[in-house]
């Protein structure tokens, strides 16, 4: 099993996904389940290839699979999910064979994935931030008029 698959199957990520899906039952806005995480992973990897960044596929996928792992804590306790997600990522990545420098790069990208100024400081952070936004089909969402995202963050055109 490759490292990204170990991340996907990790019990802590599975528990987080279950809690997020339960918290988002009936939600009219974008969800944060496995489908979203895989969409982000695929788009981030496309960006990585298009921009010739040379980031390993399993590192890109790990960042994407874990970027919203703190959502359950945000729903439960109000803690920003990028903060709790970065901490959980370090724990999971260490158990899945990622090096210390890969763990830090992924945790930093997750910690910055909601802030463009912070995200753009690293190639991984930049593609994770952009892929997260590009993964959302705002142009086809019935809830888009009620969404509180600012217009420049909404994905209003098909790109990926």
C-alpha atoms as a PDB file:
ATOM      1  CA  UNK A   1       0.000   0.000   0.000  1.00  0.00           C
ATOM      2  CA  UNK A   2       1.463   3.369  -0.932  1.00  0.00           C
ATOM      3  CA  UNK A   3       1.716   6.197   1.560  1.00  0.00           C
ATOM      4  CA  UNK A   4      -1.256   8.181   0.257  1.00  0.00           C
ATOM      5  CA  UNK A   5      -3.461   5.100   0.537  1.00  0.00           C
ATOM      6  CA  UNK A   6      -2.241   4.598   4.113  1.00  0.00           C
ATOM      7  CA  UNK A   7      -3.317   8.183   4.836  1.00  0.00           C
ATOM      8  CA  UNK A   8      -6.749   7.577   3.314  1.00  0.00           C
ATOM      9  CA  UNK A   9      -7.213   4.424   5.383  1.00  0.00           C
ATOM     10  CA  UNK A  10      -5.803   5.831   8.627  1.00  0.00           C
ATOM     11  CA  UNK A  11      -8.296   5.354  11.489  1.00  0.00           C
ATOM     12  CA  UNK A  12      -7.948   8.960  12.688  1.00  0.00           C
ATOM     13  CA  UNK A  13      -8.829  10.317   9.231  1.00  0.00           C
ATOM     14  CA  UNK A  14     -11.702   7.846   8.935  1.00  0.00           C
ATOM     15  CA  UNK A  15     -13.091   8.982  12.313  1.00  0.00           C
ATOM     16  CA  UNK A  16     -12.759  12.607  11.248  1.00  0.00           C
ATOM     17  CA  UNK A  17     -14.558  11.975   7.951  1.00  0.00           C
ATOM     18  CA  UNK A  18     -17.394  10.168   9.726  1.00  0.00           C
ATOM     19  CA  UNK A  19     -17.815  13.047  12.187  1.00  0.00           C
ATOM     20  CA  UNK A  20     -17.717  15.665   9.415  1.00  0.00           C
ATOM     21  CA  UNK A  21     -20.282  13.816   7.295  1.00  0.00           C
ATOM     22  CA  UNK A  22     -22.573  13.476  10.302  1.00  0.00           C
ATOM     23  CA  UNK A  23     -22.198  17.174  11.175  1.00  0.00           C
ATOM     24  CA  UNK A  24     -22.959  18.158   7.584  1.00  0.00           C
ATOM     25  CA  UNK A  25     -26.108  16.070   7.151  1.00  0.00           C
ATOM     26  CA  UNK A  26     -28.742  18.271   5.548  1.00  0.00           C
ATOM     27  CA  UNK A  27     -26.246  21.017   4.744  1.00  0.00           C
ATOM     28  CA  UNK A  28     -27.161  22.978   1.601  1.00  0.00           C
ATOM     29  CA  UNK A  29     -23.621  24.288   1.080  1.00  0.00           C
ATOM     30  CA  UNK A  30     -20.515  22.434  -0.076  1.00  0.00           C
ATOM     31  CA  UNK A  31     -19.570  19.357   1.891  1.00  0.00           C
ATOM     32  CA  UNK A  32     -16.181  18.189   3.106  1.00  0.00           C
ATOM     33  CA  UNK A  33     -16.396  14.436   2.576  1.00  0.00           C
ATOM     34  CA  UNK A  34     -14.082  12.088   0.715  1.00  0.00           C
ATOM     35  CA  UNK A  35     -15.381  13.218  -2.685  1.00  0.00           C
ATOM     36  CA  UNK A  36     -14.270  16.785  -1.996  1.00  0.00           C
ATOM     37  CA  UNK A  37     -10.892  15.621  -0.686  1.00  0.00           C
ATOM     38  CA  UNK A  38     -10.251  13.533  -3.801  1.00  0.00           C
ATOM     39  CA  UNK A  39     -11.360  16.368  -6.086  1.00  0.00           C
ATOM     40  CA  UNK A  40      -8.862  18.654  -4.351  1.00  0.00           C
ATOM     41  CA  UNK A  41      -6.139  15.996  -4.631  1.00  0.00           C
ATOM     42  CA  UNK A  42      -6.676  15.477  -8.347  1.00  0.00           C
ATOM     43  CA  UNK A  43      -6.817  19.176  -9.170  1.00  0.00           C
ATOM     44  CA  UNK A  44      -3.770  19.912  -7.005  1.00  0.00           C
ATOM     45  CA  UNK A  45      -1.854  17.181  -8.779  1.00  0.00           C
ATOM     46  CA  UNK A  46      -2.865  18.571 -12.180  1.00  0.00           C
ATOM     47  CA  UNK A  47      -1.623  22.008 -11.077  1.00  0.00           C
ATOM     48  CA  UNK A  48       1.597  20.398  -9.852  1.00  0.00           C
ATOM     49  CA  UNK A  49       2.147  18.789 -13.260  1.00  0.00           C
ATOM     50  CA  UNK A  50       1.133  21.855 -15.285  1.00  0.00           C
ATOM     51  CA  UNK A  51       3.446  24.101 -13.287  1.00  0.00           C
ATOM     52  CA  UNK A  52       6.320  21.576 -13.268  1.00  0.00           C
ATOM     53  CA  UNK A  53       6.630  21.799  -9.482  1.00  0.00           C
ATOM     54  CA  UNK A  54       7.949  18.281  -9.035  1.00  0.00           C
ATOM     55  CA  UNK A  55       6.053  17.567  -5.816  1.00  0.00           C
ATOM     56  CA  UNK A  56       5.604  13.844  -5.246  1.00  0.00           C
ATOM     57  CA  UNK A  57       2.105  12.584  -5.997  1.00  0.00           C
ATOM     58  CA  UNK A  58       1.732  10.973  -2.572  1.00  0.00           C
ATOM     59  CA  UNK A  59       2.676  14.245  -0.860  1.00  0.00           C
ATOM     60  CA  UNK A  60       0.088  16.188  -2.890  1.00  0.00           C
ATOM     61  CA  UNK A  61      -2.552  13.563  -2.149  1.00  0.00           C
ATOM     62  CA  UNK A  62      -1.690  13.459   1.553  1.00  0.00           C
ATOM     63  CA  UNK A  63      -2.086  17.236   1.816  1.00  0.00           C
ATOM     64  CA  UNK A  64      -5.413  17.150   0.007  1.00  0.00           C
ATOM     65  CA  UNK A  65      -6.776  14.161   1.915  1.00  0.00           C
ATOM     66  CA  UNK A  66      -5.910  15.811   5.234  1.00  0.00           C
ATOM     67  CA  UNK A  67      -6.607  19.484   4.519  1.00  0.00           C
ATOM     68  CA  UNK A  68     -10.110  19.434   6.049  1.00  0.00           C
ATOM     69  CA  UNK A  69      -9.394  16.784   8.695  1.00  0.00           C
ATOM     70  CA  UNK A  70      -9.902  19.392  11.422  1.00  0.00           C
ATOM     71  CA  UNK A  71     -13.466  20.211  10.336  1.00  0.00           C
ATOM     72  CA  UNK A  72     -15.015  17.940  12.964  1.00  0.00           C
ATOM     73  CA  UNK A  73     -13.238  19.886  15.716  1.00  0.00           C
ATOM     74  CA  UNK A  74     -14.312  23.155  14.135  1.00  0.00           C
ATOM     75  CA  UNK A  75     -17.943  22.049  14.149  1.00  0.00           C
ATOM     76  CA  UNK A  76     -17.711  20.656  17.668  1.00  0.00           C
ATOM     77  CA  UNK A  77     -15.575  23.281  19.423  1.00  0.00           C
ATOM     78  CA  UNK A  78     -15.210  26.250  17.073  1.00  0.00           C
ATOM     79  CA  UNK A  79     -11.457  25.759  16.624  1.00  0.00           C
ATOM     80  CA  UNK A  80     -10.263  26.776  13.130  1.00  0.00           C
ATOM     81  CA  UNK A  81      -9.989  23.552  11.149  1.00  0.00           C
ATOM     82  CA  UNK A  82      -6.703  24.484   9.501  1.00  0.00           C
ATOM     83  CA  UNK A  83      -5.046  24.540  12.923  1.00  0.00           C
ATOM     84  CA  UNK A  84      -6.396  21.244  14.217  1.00  0.00           C
ATOM     85  CA  UNK A  85      -5.977  19.690  10.766  1.00  0.00           C
ATOM     86  CA  UNK A  86      -2.277  20.573  10.640  1.00  0.00           C
ATOM     87  CA  UNK A  87      -1.723  18.937  14.030  1.00  0.00           C
ATOM     88  CA  UNK A  88      -3.652  15.815  13.043  1.00  0.00           C
ATOM     89  CA  UNK A  89      -1.749  15.663   9.757  1.00  0.00           C
ATOM     90  CA  UNK A  90       1.600  15.523  11.564  1.00  0.00           C
ATOM     91  CA  UNK A  91       0.368  12.593  13.646  1.00  0.00           C
ATOM     92  CA  UNK A  92      -1.064  10.663  10.698  1.00  0.00           C
ATOM     93  CA  UNK A  93       1.817  11.347   8.317  1.00  0.00           C
ATOM     94  CA  UNK A  94       4.364  10.170  10.850  1.00  0.00           C
ATOM     95  CA  UNK A  95       2.546   6.853  11.088  1.00  0.00           C
ATOM     96  CA  UNK A  96       2.288   6.541   7.303  1.00  0.00           C
ATOM     97  CA  UNK A  97       5.972   6.786   6.448  1.00  0.00           C
ATOM     98  CA  UNK A  98       6.360  10.461   5.520  1.00  0.00           C
ATOM     99  CA  UNK A  99       9.659  12.115   6.355  1.00  0.00           C
ATOM    100  CA  UNK A 100       9.884  14.924   8.904  1.00  0.00           C
ATOM    101  CA  UNK A 101      10.342  17.505   6.134  1.00  0.00           C
ATOM    102  CA  UNK A 102       7.325  16.139   4.219  1.00  0.00           C
ATOM    103  CA  UNK A 103       5.251  16.223   7.399  1.00  0.00           C
ATOM    104  CA  UNK A 104       6.161  19.862   7.976  1.00  0.00           C
ATOM    105  CA  UNK A 105       5.504  20.850   4.347  1.00  0.00           C
ATOM    106  CA  UNK A 106       2.071  19.199   4.400  1.00  0.00           C
ATOM    107  CA  UNK A 107       1.189  20.606   7.834  1.00  0.00           C
ATOM    108  CA  UNK A 108       2.238  24.100   6.723  1.00  0.00           C
ATOM    109  CA  UNK A 109       0.157  23.828   3.541  1.00  0.00           C
ATOM    110  CA  UNK A 110      -2.869  22.666   5.541  1.00  0.00           C
ATOM    111  CA  UNK A 111      -2.347  25.425   8.088  1.00  0.00           C
ATOM    112  CA  UNK A 112      -2.333  27.999   5.291  1.00  0.00           C
ATOM    113  CA  UNK A 113      -5.012  26.578   2.992  1.00  0.00           C
ATOM    114  CA  UNK A 114      -7.595  29.236   3.879  1.00  0.00           C
ATOM    115  CA  UNK A 115      -5.256  32.231   3.548  1.00  0.00           C
ATOM    116  CA  UNK A 116      -3.865  33.033   0.092  1.00  0.00           C
ATOM    117  CA  UNK A 117      -1.050  35.226   1.407  1.00  0.00           C
ATOM    118  CA  UNK A 118       0.187  32.411   3.643  1.00  0.00           C
ATOM    119  CA  UNK A 119      -0.529  29.629   1.131  1.00  0.00           C
ATOM    120  CA  UNK A 120       1.432  31.214  -1.692  1.00  0.00           C
ATOM    121  CA  UNK A 121       4.653  31.064   0.341  1.00  0.00           C
ATOM    122  CA  UNK A 122       5.146  27.441  -0.698  1.00  0.00           C
ATOM    123  CA  UNK A 123       4.399  25.553  -3.908  1.00  0.00           C
ATOM    124  CA  UNK A 124       2.393  22.907  -2.033  1.00  0.00           C
ATOM    125  CA  UNK A 125       0.431  25.555  -0.136  1.00  0.00           C
ATOM    126  CA  UNK A 126      -0.325  27.408  -3.352  1.00  0.00           C
ATOM    127  CA  UNK A 127      -1.699  24.416  -5.228  1.00  0.00           C
ATOM    128  CA  UNK A 128      -3.673  23.185  -2.207  1.00  0.00           C
ATOM    129  CA  UNK A 129      -5.321  26.583  -1.732  1.00  0.00           C
ATOM    130  CA  UNK A 130      -6.212  26.901  -5.417  1.00  0.00           C
ATOM    131  CA  UNK A 131      -7.376  23.296  -5.801  1.00  0.00           C
ATOM    132  CA  UNK A 132      -9.642  23.668  -2.773  1.00  0.00           C
ATOM    133  CA  UNK A 133     -11.401  26.584  -4.441  1.00  0.00           C
ATOM    134  CA  UNK A 134     -11.396  25.072  -7.941  1.00  0.00           C
ATOM    135  CA  UNK A 135     -12.982  21.863  -6.655  1.00  0.00           C
ATOM    136  CA  UNK A 136     -16.227  23.666  -5.891  1.00  0.00           C
ATOM    137  CA  UNK A 137     -18.839  23.866  -8.677  1.00  0.00           C
ATOM    138  CA  UNK A 138     -20.244  27.208  -7.491  1.00  0.00           C
ATOM    139  CA  UNK A 139     -21.431  27.874 -11.048  1.00  0.00           C
ATOM    140  CA  UNK A 140     -23.929  24.992 -10.696  1.00  0.00           C
ATOM    141  CA  UNK A 141     -24.815  25.287  -7.005  1.00  0.00           C
ATOM    142  CA  UNK A 142     -28.388  26.181  -6.075  1.00  0.00           C
ATOM    143  CA  UNK A 143     -27.164  27.517  -2.722  1.00  0.00           C
ATOM    144  CA  UNK A 144     -24.573  29.851  -4.323  1.00  0.00           C
ATOM    145  CA  UNK A 145     -26.680  33.017  -3.860  1.00  0.00           C
ATOM    146  CA  UNK A 146     -26.848  32.285  -0.114  1.00  0.00           C
ATOM    147  CA  UNK A 147     -23.175  31.326   0.225  1.00  0.00           C
ATOM    148  CA  UNK A 148     -21.070  33.711   2.297  1.00  0.00           C
ATOM    149  CA  UNK A 149     -17.869  33.121   0.319  1.00  0.00           C
ATOM    150  CA  UNK A 150     -16.621  36.304  -1.284  1.00  0.00           C
ATOM    151  CA  UNK A 151     -17.082  36.288  -5.038  1.00  0.00           C
ATOM    152  CA  UNK A 152     -13.365  36.100  -5.862  1.00  0.00           C
ATOM    153  CA  UNK A 153     -13.125  32.781  -3.956  1.00  0.00           C
ATOM    154  CA  UNK A 154     -16.084  31.206  -5.733  1.00  0.00           C
ATOM    155  CA  UNK A 155     -15.456  28.915  -8.666  1.00  0.00           C
ATOM    156  CA  UNK A 156     -17.818  30.394 -11.233  1.00  0.00           C
ATOM    157  CA  UNK A 157     -16.287  28.783 -14.361  1.00  0.00           C
ATOM    158  CA  UNK A 158     -15.299  25.289 -15.458  1.00  0.00           C
ATOM    159  CA  UNK A 159     -11.520  25.043 -15.347  1.00  0.00           C
ATOM    160  CA  UNK A 160     -10.616  21.557 -14.099  1.00  0.00           C
END
